[in-house]
């Protein structure tokens, strides 16, 4: 599951990079 999360984070990071950065409620995405 960690692999799926990593892939999802990578994809989401591209689309929701600003949103994730603003919310900062997903440390895993930032770390990834």
N, C-alpha and C. Protein backbone atom coordinates (compact mmCIF):
# COMPACT_ATOMS: atom_id res chain seq x y z
N UNK A 1 0.84 -1.21 0.00
CA UNK A 1 0.00 0.00 0.00
C UNK A 1 0.88 1.26 0.00
N UNK A 2 2.01 1.18 0.63
CA UNK A 2 2.90 2.34 0.66
C UNK A 2 3.27 2.77 -0.76
N UNK A 3 3.48 1.77 -1.63
CA UNK A 3 3.83 2.09 -3.02
C UNK A 3 2.69 2.86 -3.68
N UNK A 4 1.46 2.38 -3.49
CA UNK A 4 0.30 3.07 -4.08
C UNK A 4 0.21 4.50 -3.55
N UNK A 5 0.44 4.65 -2.25
CA UNK A 5 0.38 5.99 -1.65
C UNK A 5 1.44 6.88 -2.28
N UNK A 6 2.63 6.33 -2.46
CA UNK A 6 3.70 7.12 -3.06
C UNK A 6 3.32 7.55 -4.46
N UNK A 7 2.81 6.61 -5.26
CA UNK A 7 2.41 6.94 -6.63
C UNK A 7 1.30 7.98 -6.61
N UNK A 8 0.31 7.77 -5.77
CA UNK A 8 -0.81 8.70 -5.67
C UNK A 8 -0.30 10.08 -5.26
N UNK A 9 0.62 10.12 -4.33
CA UNK A 9 1.16 11.40 -3.87
C UNK A 9 1.88 12.10 -5.01
N UNK A 10 2.62 11.33 -5.78
CA UNK A 10 3.35 11.93 -6.89
C UNK A 10 2.39 12.54 -7.89
N UNK A 11 1.33 11.82 -8.23
CA UNK A 11 0.34 12.32 -9.18
C UNK A 11 -0.40 13.51 -8.58
N UNK A 12 -0.85 13.35 -7.34
CA UNK A 12 -1.60 14.42 -6.69
C UNK A 12 -0.71 15.63 -6.48
N UNK A 13 0.55 15.38 -6.19
CA UNK A 13 1.47 16.50 -5.94
C UNK A 13 1.55 17.39 -7.17
N UNK A 14 1.52 16.78 -8.35
CA UNK A 14 1.59 17.57 -9.57
C UNK A 14 0.35 18.43 -9.72
N UNK A 15 -0.83 17.86 -9.44
CA UNK A 15 -2.09 18.58 -9.61
C UNK A 15 -2.40 19.47 -8.41
N UNK A 16 -2.25 18.88 -7.21
CA UNK A 16 -2.63 19.61 -6.01
C UNK A 16 -1.40 20.04 -5.21
N UNK A 17 -0.33 20.38 -5.91
CA UNK A 17 0.89 20.78 -5.20
C UNK A 17 0.62 22.01 -4.35
N UNK A 18 -0.03 23.01 -4.94
CA UNK A 18 -0.32 24.24 -4.20
C UNK A 18 -1.29 23.94 -3.06
N UNK A 19 -2.34 23.17 -3.36
CA UNK A 19 -3.34 22.86 -2.34
C UNK A 19 -2.70 22.13 -1.18
N UNK A 20 -1.88 21.13 -1.49
CA UNK A 20 -1.25 20.35 -0.43
C UNK A 20 -0.32 21.23 0.38
N UNK A 21 0.42 22.09 -0.31
CA UNK A 21 1.37 22.95 0.38
C UNK A 21 0.63 23.93 1.30
N UNK A 22 -0.50 24.46 0.81
CA UNK A 22 -1.28 25.40 1.61
C UNK A 22 -1.90 24.72 2.81
N UNK A 23 -2.48 23.54 2.58
CA UNK A 23 -3.14 22.83 3.68
C UNK A 23 -2.10 22.26 4.63
N UNK A 24 -1.02 21.69 4.07
CA UNK A 24 0.04 21.10 4.89
C UNK A 24 -0.52 20.07 5.85
N UNK A 25 -1.62 19.42 5.46
CA UNK A 25 -2.22 18.41 6.32
C UNK A 25 -1.80 17.02 5.87
N UNK A 26 -0.89 16.95 4.86
CA UNK A 26 -0.40 15.65 4.39
C UNK A 26 1.12 15.64 4.40
N UNK A 27 1.72 15.47 5.56
CA UNK A 27 3.19 15.46 5.66
C UNK A 27 3.80 14.42 4.73
N UNK A 28 3.08 13.31 4.51
CA UNK A 28 3.61 12.24 3.65
C UNK A 28 3.83 12.76 2.24
N UNK A 29 2.89 13.55 1.74
CA UNK A 29 3.02 14.07 0.38
C UNK A 29 4.24 14.98 0.30
N UNK A 30 4.40 15.83 1.29
CA UNK A 30 5.53 16.75 1.29
C UNK A 30 6.83 15.97 1.38
N UNK A 31 6.85 14.96 2.26
CA UNK A 31 8.06 14.15 2.42
C UNK A 31 8.37 13.41 1.14
N UNK A 32 7.32 12.88 0.49
CA UNK A 32 7.52 12.13 -0.74
C UNK A 32 8.01 13.08 -1.82
